[in-house]
mmCIF file of all heavy atoms, coordinates in Angstrom:
data_MODEL
# 
_entry.id   MODEL 
# 
loop_
_atom_site.group_PDB 
_atom_site.id 
_atom_site.type_symbol 
_atom_site.label_atom_id 
_atom_site.label_alt_id 
_atom_site.label_comp_id 
_atom_site.label_asym_id 
_atom_site.label_entity_id 
_atom_site.label_seq_id 
_atom_site.pdbx_PDB_ins_code 
_atom_site.Cartn_x 
_atom_site.Cartn_y 
_atom_site.Cartn_z 
_atom_site.occupancy 
_atom_site.B_iso_or_equiv 
_atom_site.pdbx_formal_charge 
_atom_site.auth_seq_id 
_atom_site.auth_comp_id 
_atom_site.auth_asym_id 
_atom_site.auth_atom_id 
_atom_site.pdbx_PDB_model_num 
ATOM 1   N N   . GLN A 1 1  ? 143.722 136.417 35.655 1.00 0.00 ? 1  GLN A N   1 
ATOM 2   C CA  . GLN A 1 1  ? 142.283 136.938 36.042 1.00 0.00 ? 1  GLN A CA  1 
ATOM 3   C C   . GLN A 1 1  ? 141.817 136.150 37.294 1.00 0.00 ? 1  GLN A C   1 
ATOM 4   O O   . GLN A 1 1  ? 141.173 136.696 38.222 1.00 0.00 ? 1  GLN A O   1 
ATOM 5   C CB  . GLN A 1 1  ? 141.377 136.760 34.837 1.00 0.00 ? 1  GLN A CB  1 
ATOM 6   C CG  . GLN A 1 1  ? 140.015 137.396 35.170 1.00 0.00 ? 1  GLN A CG  1 
ATOM 7   C CD  . GLN A 1 1  ? 139.043 137.358 33.970 1.00 0.00 ? 1  GLN A CD  1 
ATOM 8   O OE1 . GLN A 1 1  ? 139.539 137.499 32.832 1.00 0.00 ? 1  GLN A OE1 1 
ATOM 9   N NE2 . GLN A 1 1  ? 137.757 137.353 34.168 1.00 0.00 ? 1  GLN A NE2 1 
ATOM 10  N N   . HIS A 1 2  ? 141.979 134.813 37.242 1.00 0.00 ? 2  HIS A N   1 
ATOM 11  C CA  . HIS A 1 2  ? 141.521 133.950 38.394 1.00 0.00 ? 2  HIS A CA  1 
ATOM 12  C C   . HIS A 1 2  ? 142.231 134.403 39.639 1.00 0.00 ? 2  HIS A C   1 
ATOM 13  O O   . HIS A 1 2  ? 141.657 134.541 40.710 1.00 0.00 ? 2  HIS A O   1 
ATOM 14  C CB  . HIS A 1 2  ? 141.819 132.533 38.012 1.00 0.00 ? 2  HIS A CB  1 
ATOM 15  C CG  . HIS A 1 2  ? 141.322 131.583 39.084 1.00 0.00 ? 2  HIS A CG  1 
ATOM 16  N ND1 . HIS A 1 2  ? 139.966 131.458 39.467 1.00 0.00 ? 2  HIS A ND1 1 
ATOM 17  C CD2 . HIS A 1 2  ? 142.021 130.732 39.896 1.00 0.00 ? 2  HIS A CD2 1 
ATOM 18  C CE1 . HIS A 1 2  ? 139.935 130.600 40.463 1.00 0.00 ? 2  HIS A CE1 1 
ATOM 19  N NE2 . HIS A 1 2  ? 141.148 130.131 40.678 1.00 0.00 ? 2  HIS A NE2 1 
ATOM 20  N N   . GLN A 1 3  ? 143.504 134.681 39.450 1.00 0.00 ? 3  GLN A N   1 
ATOM 21  C CA  . GLN A 1 3  ? 144.277 135.079 40.679 1.00 0.00 ? 3  GLN A CA  1 
ATOM 22  C C   . GLN A 1 3  ? 143.778 136.460 41.195 1.00 0.00 ? 3  GLN A C   1 
ATOM 23  O O   . GLN A 1 3  ? 143.603 136.577 42.517 1.00 0.00 ? 3  GLN A O   1 
ATOM 24  C CB  . GLN A 1 3  ? 145.795 135.300 40.205 1.00 0.00 ? 3  GLN A CB  1 
ATOM 25  C CG  . GLN A 1 3  ? 146.664 135.857 41.270 1.00 0.00 ? 3  GLN A CG  1 
ATOM 26  C CD  . GLN A 1 3  ? 148.063 136.201 40.829 1.00 0.00 ? 3  GLN A CD  1 
ATOM 27  O OE1 . GLN A 1 3  ? 148.583 135.542 39.957 1.00 0.00 ? 3  GLN A OE1 1 
ATOM 28  N NE2 . GLN A 1 3  ? 148.641 137.208 41.273 1.00 0.00 ? 3  GLN A NE2 1 
ATOM 29  N N   . ALA A 1 4  ? 143.534 137.404 40.370 1.00 0.00 ? 4  ALA A N   1 
ATOM 30  C CA  . ALA A 1 4  ? 142.905 138.612 40.789 1.00 0.00 ? 4  ALA A CA  1 
ATOM 31  C C   . ALA A 1 4  ? 141.592 138.534 41.439 1.00 0.00 ? 4  ALA A C   1 
ATOM 32  O O   . ALA A 1 4  ? 141.230 139.191 42.435 1.00 0.00 ? 4  ALA A O   1 
ATOM 33  C CB  . ALA A 1 4  ? 142.844 139.655 39.625 1.00 0.00 ? 4  ALA A CB  1 
ATOM 34  N N   . LEU A 1 5  ? 140.811 137.630 40.814 1.00 0.00 ? 5  LEU A N   1 
ATOM 35  C CA  . LEU A 1 5  ? 139.461 137.403 41.402 1.00 0.00 ? 5  LEU A CA  1 
ATOM 36  C C   . LEU A 1 5  ? 139.551 136.782 42.880 1.00 0.00 ? 5  LEU A C   1 
ATOM 37  O O   . LEU A 1 5  ? 138.793 137.064 43.748 1.00 0.00 ? 5  LEU A O   1 
ATOM 38  C CB  . LEU A 1 5  ? 138.536 136.504 40.554 1.00 0.00 ? 5  LEU A CB  1 
ATOM 39  C CG  . LEU A 1 5  ? 137.994 137.205 39.380 1.00 0.00 ? 5  LEU A CG  1 
ATOM 40  C CD1 . LEU A 1 5  ? 137.377 136.076 38.406 1.00 0.00 ? 5  LEU A CD1 1 
ATOM 41  C CD2 . LEU A 1 5  ? 136.859 138.050 39.664 1.00 0.00 ? 5  LEU A CD2 1 
ATOM 42  N N   . ARG A 1 6  ? 140.506 135.875 42.994 1.00 0.00 ? 6  ARG A N   1 
ATOM 43  C CA  . ARG A 1 6  ? 140.622 135.245 44.373 1.00 0.00 ? 6  ARG A CA  1 
ATOM 44  C C   . ARG A 1 6  ? 141.096 136.337 45.353 1.00 0.00 ? 6  ARG A C   1 
ATOM 45  O O   . ARG A 1 6  ? 140.649 136.305 46.501 1.00 0.00 ? 6  ARG A O   1 
ATOM 46  C CB  . ARG A 1 6  ? 141.741 134.093 44.295 1.00 0.00 ? 6  ARG A CB  1 
ATOM 47  C CG  . ARG A 1 6  ? 141.138 132.881 43.563 1.00 0.00 ? 6  ARG A CG  1 
ATOM 48  C CD  . ARG A 1 6  ? 142.219 131.810 43.616 1.00 0.00 ? 6  ARG A CD  1 
ATOM 49  N NE  . ARG A 1 6  ? 142.446 131.313 44.876 1.00 0.00 ? 6  ARG A NE  1 
ATOM 50  C CZ  . ARG A 1 6  ? 141.744 130.373 45.489 1.00 0.00 ? 6  ARG A CZ  1 
ATOM 51  N NH1 . ARG A 1 6  ? 140.691 129.916 44.953 1.00 0.00 ? 6  ARG A NH1 1 
ATOM 52  N NH2 . ARG A 1 6  ? 142.074 130.030 46.740 1.00 0.00 ? 6  ARG A NH2 1 
ATOM 53  N N   . VAL A 1 7  ? 142.025 137.224 44.949 1.00 0.00 ? 7  VAL A N   1 
ATOM 54  C CA  . VAL A 1 7  ? 142.400 138.283 45.868 1.00 0.00 ? 7  VAL A CA  1 
ATOM 55  C C   . VAL A 1 7  ? 141.227 139.121 46.280 1.00 0.00 ? 7  VAL A C   1 
ATOM 56  O O   . VAL A 1 7  ? 141.023 139.535 47.372 1.00 0.00 ? 7  VAL A O   1 
ATOM 57  C CB  . VAL A 1 7  ? 143.541 139.253 45.190 1.00 0.00 ? 7  VAL A CB  1 
ATOM 58  C CG1 . VAL A 1 7  ? 143.821 140.442 46.085 1.00 0.00 ? 7  VAL A CG1 1 
ATOM 59  C CG2 . VAL A 1 7  ? 144.796 138.301 45.069 1.00 0.00 ? 7  VAL A CG2 1 
ATOM 60  N N   . ARG A 1 8  ? 140.435 139.642 45.178 1.00 0.00 ? 8  ARG A N   1 
ATOM 61  C CA  . ARG A 1 8  ? 139.291 140.421 45.487 1.00 0.00 ? 8  ARG A CA  1 
ATOM 62  C C   . ARG A 1 8  ? 138.297 139.676 46.392 1.00 0.00 ? 8  ARG A C   1 
ATOM 63  O O   . ARG A 1 8  ? 137.670 140.260 47.238 1.00 0.00 ? 8  ARG A O   1 
ATOM 64  C CB  . ARG A 1 8  ? 138.602 140.856 44.197 1.00 0.00 ? 8  ARG A CB  1 
ATOM 65  C CG  . ARG A 1 8  ? 137.569 141.913 44.509 1.00 0.00 ? 8  ARG A CG  1 
ATOM 66  C CD  . ARG A 1 8  ? 136.810 142.332 43.122 1.00 0.00 ? 8  ARG A CD  1 
ATOM 67  N NE  . ARG A 1 8  ? 135.995 141.208 42.807 1.00 0.00 ? 8  ARG A NE  1 
ATOM 68  C CZ  . ARG A 1 8  ? 135.019 141.312 41.838 1.00 0.00 ? 8  ARG A CZ  1 
ATOM 69  N NH1 . ARG A 1 8  ? 134.943 142.365 41.088 1.00 0.00 ? 8  ARG A NH1 1 
ATOM 70  N NH2 . ARG A 1 8  ? 134.239 140.264 41.586 1.00 0.00 ? 8  ARG A NH2 1 
ATOM 71  N N   . SER A 1 9  ? 138.048 138.369 46.044 1.00 0.00 ? 9  SER A N   1 
ATOM 72  C CA  . SER A 1 9  ? 137.104 137.654 46.818 1.00 0.00 ? 9  SER A CA  1 
ATOM 73  C C   . SER A 1 9  ? 137.486 137.601 48.384 1.00 0.00 ? 9  SER A C   1 
ATOM 74  O O   . SER A 1 9  ? 136.722 137.659 49.247 1.00 0.00 ? 9  SER A O   1 
ATOM 75  C CB  . SER A 1 9  ? 136.948 136.252 46.229 1.00 0.00 ? 9  SER A CB  1 
ATOM 76  O OG  . SER A 1 9  ? 136.482 136.329 44.962 1.00 0.00 ? 9  SER A OG  1 
ATOM 77  N N   . SER A 1 10 ? 138.804 137.354 48.612 1.00 0.00 ? 10 SER A N   1 
ATOM 78  C CA  . SER A 1 10 ? 139.304 137.224 49.955 1.00 0.00 ? 10 SER A CA  1 
ATOM 79  C C   . SER A 1 10 ? 139.074 138.624 50.670 1.00 0.00 ? 10 SER A C   1 
ATOM 80  O O   . SER A 1 10 ? 138.751 138.542 51.900 1.00 0.00 ? 10 SER A O   1 
ATOM 81  C CB  . SER A 1 10 ? 140.801 136.853 49.935 1.00 0.00 ? 10 SER A CB  1 
ATOM 82  O OG  . SER A 1 10 ? 140.978 135.642 49.436 1.00 0.00 ? 10 SER A OG  1 
ATOM 83  N N   . GLU A 1 11 ? 139.269 139.625 49.973 1.00 0.00 ? 11 GLU A N   1 
ATOM 84  C CA  . GLU A 1 11 ? 139.029 141.007 50.567 1.00 0.00 ? 11 GLU A CA  1 
ATOM 85  C C   . GLU A 1 11 ? 137.588 141.148 50.878 1.00 0.00 ? 11 GLU A C   1 
ATOM 86  O O   . GLU A 1 11 ? 137.241 141.731 51.881 1.00 0.00 ? 11 GLU A O   1 
ATOM 87  C CB  . GLU A 1 11 ? 139.578 142.004 49.670 1.00 0.00 ? 11 GLU A CB  1 
ATOM 88  C CG  . GLU A 1 11 ? 141.175 142.103 49.547 1.00 0.00 ? 11 GLU A CG  1 
ATOM 89  C CD  . GLU A 1 11 ? 141.567 143.110 48.556 1.00 0.00 ? 11 GLU A CD  1 
ATOM 90  O OE1 . GLU A 1 11 ? 140.703 143.651 47.715 1.00 0.00 ? 11 GLU A OE1 1 
ATOM 91  O OE2 . GLU A 1 11 ? 142.829 143.387 48.417 1.00 0.00 ? 11 GLU A OE2 1 
ATOM 92  N N   . GLU A 1 12 ? 136.654 140.661 50.008 1.00 0.00 ? 12 GLU A N   1 
ATOM 93  C CA  . GLU A 1 12 ? 135.292 140.802 50.138 1.00 0.00 ? 12 GLU A CA  1 
ATOM 94  C C   . GLU A 1 12 ? 134.812 140.035 51.327 1.00 0.00 ? 12 GLU A C   1 
ATOM 95  O O   . GLU A 1 12 ? 133.891 140.348 52.061 1.00 0.00 ? 12 GLU A O   1 
ATOM 96  C CB  . GLU A 1 12 ? 134.520 140.405 48.828 1.00 0.00 ? 12 GLU A CB  1 
ATOM 97  C CG  . GLU A 1 12 ? 133.071 140.739 48.878 1.00 0.00 ? 12 GLU A CG  1 
ATOM 98  C CD  . GLU A 1 12 ? 132.280 140.429 47.576 1.00 0.00 ? 12 GLU A CD  1 
ATOM 99  O OE1 . GLU A 1 12 ? 132.978 140.004 46.623 1.00 0.00 ? 12 GLU A OE1 1 
ATOM 100 O OE2 . GLU A 1 12 ? 131.048 140.501 47.625 1.00 0.00 ? 12 GLU A OE2 1 
ATOM 101 N N   . VAL A 1 13 ? 135.410 138.830 51.467 1.00 0.00 ? 13 VAL A N   1 
ATOM 102 C CA  . VAL A 1 13 ? 134.974 137.952 52.610 1.00 0.00 ? 13 VAL A CA  1 
ATOM 103 C C   . VAL A 1 13 ? 135.282 138.799 53.882 1.00 0.00 ? 13 VAL A C   1 
ATOM 104 O O   . VAL A 1 13 ? 134.448 138.737 54.834 1.00 0.00 ? 13 VAL A O   1 
ATOM 105 C CB  . VAL A 1 13 ? 135.789 136.673 52.680 1.00 0.00 ? 13 VAL A CB  1 
ATOM 106 C CG1 . VAL A 1 13 ? 135.795 135.962 54.037 1.00 0.00 ? 13 VAL A CG1 1 
ATOM 107 C CG2 . VAL A 1 13 ? 135.341 135.671 51.675 1.00 0.00 ? 13 VAL A CG2 1 
ATOM 108 N N   . LYS A 1 14 ? 136.452 139.335 54.150 1.00 0.00 ? 14 LYS A N   1 
ATOM 109 C CA  . LYS A 1 14 ? 136.745 140.146 55.284 1.00 0.00 ? 14 LYS A CA  1 
ATOM 110 C C   . LYS A 1 14 ? 135.657 141.289 55.517 1.00 0.00 ? 14 LYS A C   1 
ATOM 111 O O   . LYS A 1 14 ? 135.220 141.457 56.654 1.00 0.00 ? 14 LYS A O   1 
ATOM 112 C CB  . LYS A 1 14 ? 138.113 140.765 55.138 1.00 0.00 ? 14 LYS A CB  1 
ATOM 113 C CG  . LYS A 1 14 ? 139.245 139.697 55.116 1.00 0.00 ? 14 LYS A CG  1 
ATOM 114 C CD  . LYS A 1 14 ? 140.584 140.435 54.980 1.00 0.00 ? 14 LYS A CD  1 
ATOM 115 C CE  . LYS A 1 14 ? 141.700 139.361 54.867 1.00 0.00 ? 14 LYS A CE  1 
ATOM 116 N NZ  . LYS A 1 14 ? 143.003 140.120 54.693 1.00 0.00 ? 14 LYS A NZ  1 
ATOM 117 N N   . SER A 1 15 ? 135.368 141.947 54.472 1.00 0.00 ? 15 SER A N   1 
ATOM 118 C CA  . SER A 1 15 ? 134.332 143.033 54.554 1.00 0.00 ? 15 SER A CA  1 
ATOM 119 C C   . SER A 1 15 ? 132.928 142.577 54.917 1.00 0.00 ? 15 SER A C   1 
ATOM 120 O O   . SER A 1 15 ? 132.330 143.112 55.792 1.00 0.00 ? 15 SER A O   1 
ATOM 121 C CB  . SER A 1 15 ? 134.313 143.715 53.166 1.00 0.00 ? 15 SER A CB  1 
ATOM 122 O OG  . SER A 1 15 ? 133.255 144.755 53.212 1.00 0.00 ? 15 SER A OG  1 
ATOM 123 N N   . LEU A 1 16 ? 132.680 141.375 54.321 1.00 0.00 ? 16 LEU A N   1 
ATOM 124 C CA  . LEU A 1 16 ? 131.296 140.944 54.634 1.00 0.00 ? 16 LEU A CA  1 
ATOM 125 C C   . LEU A 1 16 ? 131.154 140.239 56.018 1.00 0.00 ? 16 LEU A C   1 
ATOM 126 O O   . LEU A 1 16 ? 130.172 140.314 56.617 1.00 0.00 ? 16 LEU A O   1 
ATOM 127 C CB  . LEU A 1 16 ? 130.902 139.732 53.623 1.00 0.00 ? 16 LEU A CB  1 
ATOM 128 C CG  . LEU A 1 16 ? 130.541 140.272 52.195 1.00 0.00 ? 16 LEU A CG  1 
ATOM 129 C CD1 . LEU A 1 16 ? 130.414 139.208 51.209 1.00 0.00 ? 16 LEU A CD1 1 
ATOM 130 C CD2 . LEU A 1 16 ? 129.296 141.196 52.194 1.00 0.00 ? 16 LEU A CD2 1 
ATOM 131 N N   . ARG A 1 17 ? 132.335 139.780 56.467 1.00 0.00 ? 17 ARG A N   1 
ATOM 132 C CA  . ARG A 1 17 ? 132.324 139.315 57.880 1.00 0.00 ? 17 ARG A CA  1 
ATOM 133 C C   . ARG A 1 17 ? 132.047 140.407 58.875 1.00 0.00 ? 17 ARG A C   1 
ATOM 134 O O   . ARG A 1 17 ? 131.293 140.215 59.861 1.00 0.00 ? 17 ARG A O   1 
ATOM 135 C CB  . ARG A 1 17 ? 133.696 138.635 58.206 1.00 0.00 ? 17 ARG A CB  1 
ATOM 136 C CG  . ARG A 1 17 ? 133.819 137.154 57.689 1.00 0.00 ? 17 ARG A CG  1 
ATOM 137 C CD  . ARG A 1 17 ? 132.870 136.295 58.606 1.00 0.00 ? 17 ARG A CD  1 
ATOM 138 N NE  . ARG A 1 17 ? 133.044 134.919 58.324 1.00 0.00 ? 17 ARG A NE  1 
ATOM 139 C CZ  . ARG A 1 17 ? 132.358 133.854 58.950 1.00 0.00 ? 17 ARG A CZ  1 
ATOM 140 N NH1 . ARG A 1 17 ? 131.458 134.159 59.880 1.00 0.00 ? 17 ARG A NH1 1 
ATOM 141 N NH2 . ARG A 1 17 ? 132.469 132.636 58.632 1.00 0.00 ? 17 ARG A NH2 1 
ATOM 142 N N   . ALA A 1 18 ? 132.669 141.496 58.609 1.00 0.00 ? 18 ALA A N   1 
ATOM 143 C CA  . ALA A 1 18 ? 132.512 142.697 59.455 1.00 0.00 ? 18 ALA A CA  1 
ATOM 144 C C   . ALA A 1 18 ? 131.032 143.216 59.327 1.00 0.00 ? 18 ALA A C   1 
ATOM 145 O O   . ALA A 1 18 ? 130.445 143.581 60.395 1.00 0.00 ? 18 ALA A O   1 
ATOM 146 C CB  . ALA A 1 18 ? 133.476 143.795 58.963 1.00 0.00 ? 18 ALA A CB  1 
ATOM 147 N N   . ALA A 1 19 ? 130.512 143.192 58.177 1.00 0.00 ? 19 ALA A N   1 
ATOM 148 C CA  . ALA A 1 19 ? 129.086 143.602 57.982 1.00 0.00 ? 19 ALA A CA  1 
ATOM 149 C C   . ALA A 1 19 ? 128.158 142.620 58.633 1.00 0.00 ? 19 ALA A C   1 
ATOM 150 O O   . ALA A 1 19 ? 127.173 143.017 59.209 1.00 0.00 ? 19 ALA A O   1 
ATOM 151 C CB  . ALA A 1 19 ? 128.839 143.622 56.490 1.00 0.00 ? 19 ALA A CB  1 
ATOM 152 N N   . LEU A 1 20 ? 128.495 141.303 58.586 1.00 0.00 ? 20 LEU A N   1 
ATOM 153 C CA  . LEU A 1 20 ? 127.562 140.356 59.240 1.00 0.00 ? 20 LEU A CA  1 
ATOM 154 C C   . LEU A 1 20 ? 127.627 140.594 60.657 1.00 0.00 ? 20 LEU A C   1 
ATOM 155 O O   . LEU A 1 20 ? 126.416 140.419 61.367 1.00 0.00 ? 20 LEU A O   1 
ATOM 156 C CB  . LEU A 1 20 ? 128.049 138.933 58.843 1.00 0.00 ? 20 LEU A CB  1 
ATOM 157 C CG  . LEU A 1 20 ? 127.174 137.763 59.142 1.00 0.00 ? 20 LEU A CG  1 
ATOM 158 C CD1 . LEU A 1 20 ? 125.961 137.839 58.304 1.00 0.00 ? 20 LEU A CD1 1 
ATOM 159 C CD2 . LEU A 1 20 ? 127.895 136.476 58.868 1.00 0.00 ? 20 LEU A CD2 1 
ATOM 160 N N   . ALA A 1 21 ? 128.693 140.861 61.308 1.00 0.00 ? 21 ALA A N   1 
ATOM 161 C CA  . ALA A 1 21 ? 128.753 141.141 62.813 1.00 0.00 ? 21 ALA A CA  1 
ATOM 162 C C   . ALA A 1 21 ? 127.926 142.318 63.123 1.00 0.00 ? 21 ALA A C   1 
ATOM 163 O O   . ALA A 1 21 ? 127.302 142.442 64.248 1.00 0.00 ? 21 ALA A O   1 
ATOM 164 C CB  . ALA A 1 21 ? 130.196 141.276 63.222 1.00 0.00 ? 21 ALA A CB  1 
ATOM 165 N N   . ALA A 1 22 ? 127.936 143.311 62.322 1.00 0.00 ? 22 ALA A N   1 
ATOM 166 C CA  . ALA A 1 22 ? 127.161 144.564 62.642 1.00 0.00 ? 22 ALA A CA  1 
ATOM 167 C C   . ALA A 1 22 ? 125.650 144.514 62.313 1.00 0.00 ? 22 ALA A C   1 
ATOM 168 O O   . ALA A 1 22 ? 124.926 145.017 63.104 1.00 0.00 ? 22 ALA A O   1 
ATOM 169 C CB  . ALA A 1 22 ? 127.815 145.720 61.813 1.00 0.00 ? 22 ALA A CB  1 
ATOM 170 N N   . ASN A 1 23 ? 125.412 143.852 61.206 1.00 0.00 ? 23 ASN A N   1 
ATOM 171 C CA  . ASN A 1 23 ? 123.963 143.924 60.783 1.00 0.00 ? 23 ASN A CA  1 
ATOM 172 C C   . ASN A 1 23 ? 123.721 142.559 59.959 1.00 0.00 ? 23 ASN A C   1 
ATOM 173 O O   . ASN A 1 23 ? 123.678 142.701 58.702 1.00 0.00 ? 23 ASN A O   1 
ATOM 174 C CB  . ASN A 1 23 ? 123.699 145.152 59.963 1.00 0.00 ? 23 ASN A CB  1 
ATOM 175 C CG  . ASN A 1 23 ? 122.235 145.236 59.619 1.00 0.00 ? 23 ASN A CG  1 
ATOM 176 O OD1 . ASN A 1 23 ? 121.346 144.651 60.147 1.00 0.00 ? 23 ASN A OD1 1 
ATOM 177 N ND2 . ASN A 1 23 ? 121.853 145.951 58.515 1.00 0.00 ? 23 ASN A ND2 1 
ATOM 178 N N   . PRO A 1 24 ? 123.498 141.447 60.536 1.00 0.00 ? 24 PRO A N   1 
ATOM 179 C CA  . PRO A 1 24 ? 123.228 140.262 59.782 1.00 0.00 ? 24 PRO A CA  1 
ATOM 180 C C   . PRO A 1 24 ? 122.094 140.279 58.872 1.00 0.00 ? 24 PRO A C   1 
ATOM 181 O O   . PRO A 1 24 ? 120.959 140.677 59.290 1.00 0.00 ? 24 PRO A O   1 
ATOM 182 C CB  . PRO A 1 24 ? 123.167 139.212 60.862 1.00 0.00 ? 24 PRO A CB  1 
ATOM 183 C CG  . PRO A 1 24 ? 122.691 139.872 62.089 1.00 0.00 ? 24 PRO A CG  1 
ATOM 184 C CD  . PRO A 1 24 ? 123.287 141.206 62.008 1.00 0.00 ? 24 PRO A CD  1 
ATOM 185 N N   . ARG A 1 25 ? 122.243 139.857 57.572 1.00 0.00 ? 25 ARG A N   1 
ATOM 186 C CA  . ARG A 1 25 ? 121.096 139.844 56.709 1.00 0.00 ? 25 ARG A CA  1 
ATOM 187 C C   . ARG A 1 25 ? 121.279 138.631 55.799 1.00 0.00 ? 25 ARG A C   1 
ATOM 188 O O   . ARG A 1 25 ? 122.335 138.083 55.625 1.00 0.00 ? 25 ARG A O   1 
ATOM 189 C CB  . ARG A 1 25 ? 121.128 141.104 55.790 1.00 0.00 ? 25 ARG A CB  1 
ATOM 190 C CG  . ARG A 1 25 ? 121.009 142.379 56.388 1.00 0.00 ? 25 ARG A CG  1 
ATOM 191 C CD  . ARG A 1 25 ? 120.652 143.550 55.516 1.00 0.00 ? 25 ARG A CD  1 
ATOM 192 N NE  . ARG A 1 25 ? 121.520 143.674 54.331 1.00 0.00 ? 25 ARG A NE  1 
ATOM 193 C CZ  . ARG A 1 25 ? 122.646 144.267 54.247 1.00 0.00 ? 25 ARG A CZ  1 
ATOM 194 N NH1 . ARG A 1 25 ? 123.077 144.840 55.337 1.00 0.00 ? 25 ARG A NH1 1 
ATOM 195 N NH2 . ARG A 1 25 ? 123.458 144.288 53.224 1.00 0.00 ? 25 ARG A NH2 1 
ATOM 196 N N   . PRO A 1 26 ? 120.210 138.051 55.312 1.00 0.00 ? 26 PRO A N   1 
ATOM 197 C CA  . PRO A 1 26 ? 120.370 136.711 54.576 1.00 0.00 ? 26 PRO A CA  1 
ATOM 198 C C   . PRO A 1 26 ? 121.193 136.819 53.400 1.00 0.00 ? 26 PRO A C   1 
ATOM 199 O O   . PRO A 1 26 ? 121.882 135.745 53.133 1.00 0.00 ? 26 PRO A O   1 
ATOM 200 C CB  . PRO A 1 26 ? 118.841 136.503 54.287 1.00 0.00 ? 26 PRO A CB  1 
ATOM 201 C CG  . PRO A 1 26 ? 118.101 137.691 54.348 1.00 0.00 ? 26 PRO A CG  1 
ATOM 202 C CD  . PRO A 1 26 ? 118.848 138.507 55.462 1.00 0.00 ? 26 PRO A CD  1 
ATOM 203 N N   . GLU A 1 27 ? 121.195 137.846 52.593 1.00 0.00 ? 27 GLU A N   1 
ATOM 204 C CA  . GLU A 1 27 ? 122.063 137.947 51.512 1.00 0.00 ? 27 GLU A CA  1 
ATOM 205 C C   . GLU A 1 27 ? 123.470 137.988 51.704 1.00 0.00 ? 27 GLU A C   1 
ATOM 206 O O   . GLU A 1 27 ? 124.272 137.518 50.943 1.00 0.00 ? 27 GLU A O   1 
ATOM 207 C CB  . GLU A 1 27 ? 121.680 139.221 50.572 1.00 0.00 ? 27 GLU A CB  1 
ATOM 208 C CG  . GLU A 1 27 ? 121.786 140.530 51.291 1.00 0.00 ? 27 GLU A CG  1 
ATOM 209 C CD  . GLU A 1 27 ? 120.647 141.021 52.049 1.00 0.00 ? 27 GLU A CD  1 
ATOM 210 O OE1 . GLU A 1 27 ? 119.729 140.212 52.471 1.00 0.00 ? 27 GLU A OE1 1 
ATOM 211 O OE2 . GLU A 1 27 ? 120.447 142.298 52.264 1.00 0.00 ? 27 GLU A OE2 1 
# 
């Protein structure tokens, strides 16, 4: 489960980085 969470977290980081570049928000 920890392994799966790390995989999902890494994918979320990539997605959030793209979102941050397009529209930075504090959250």
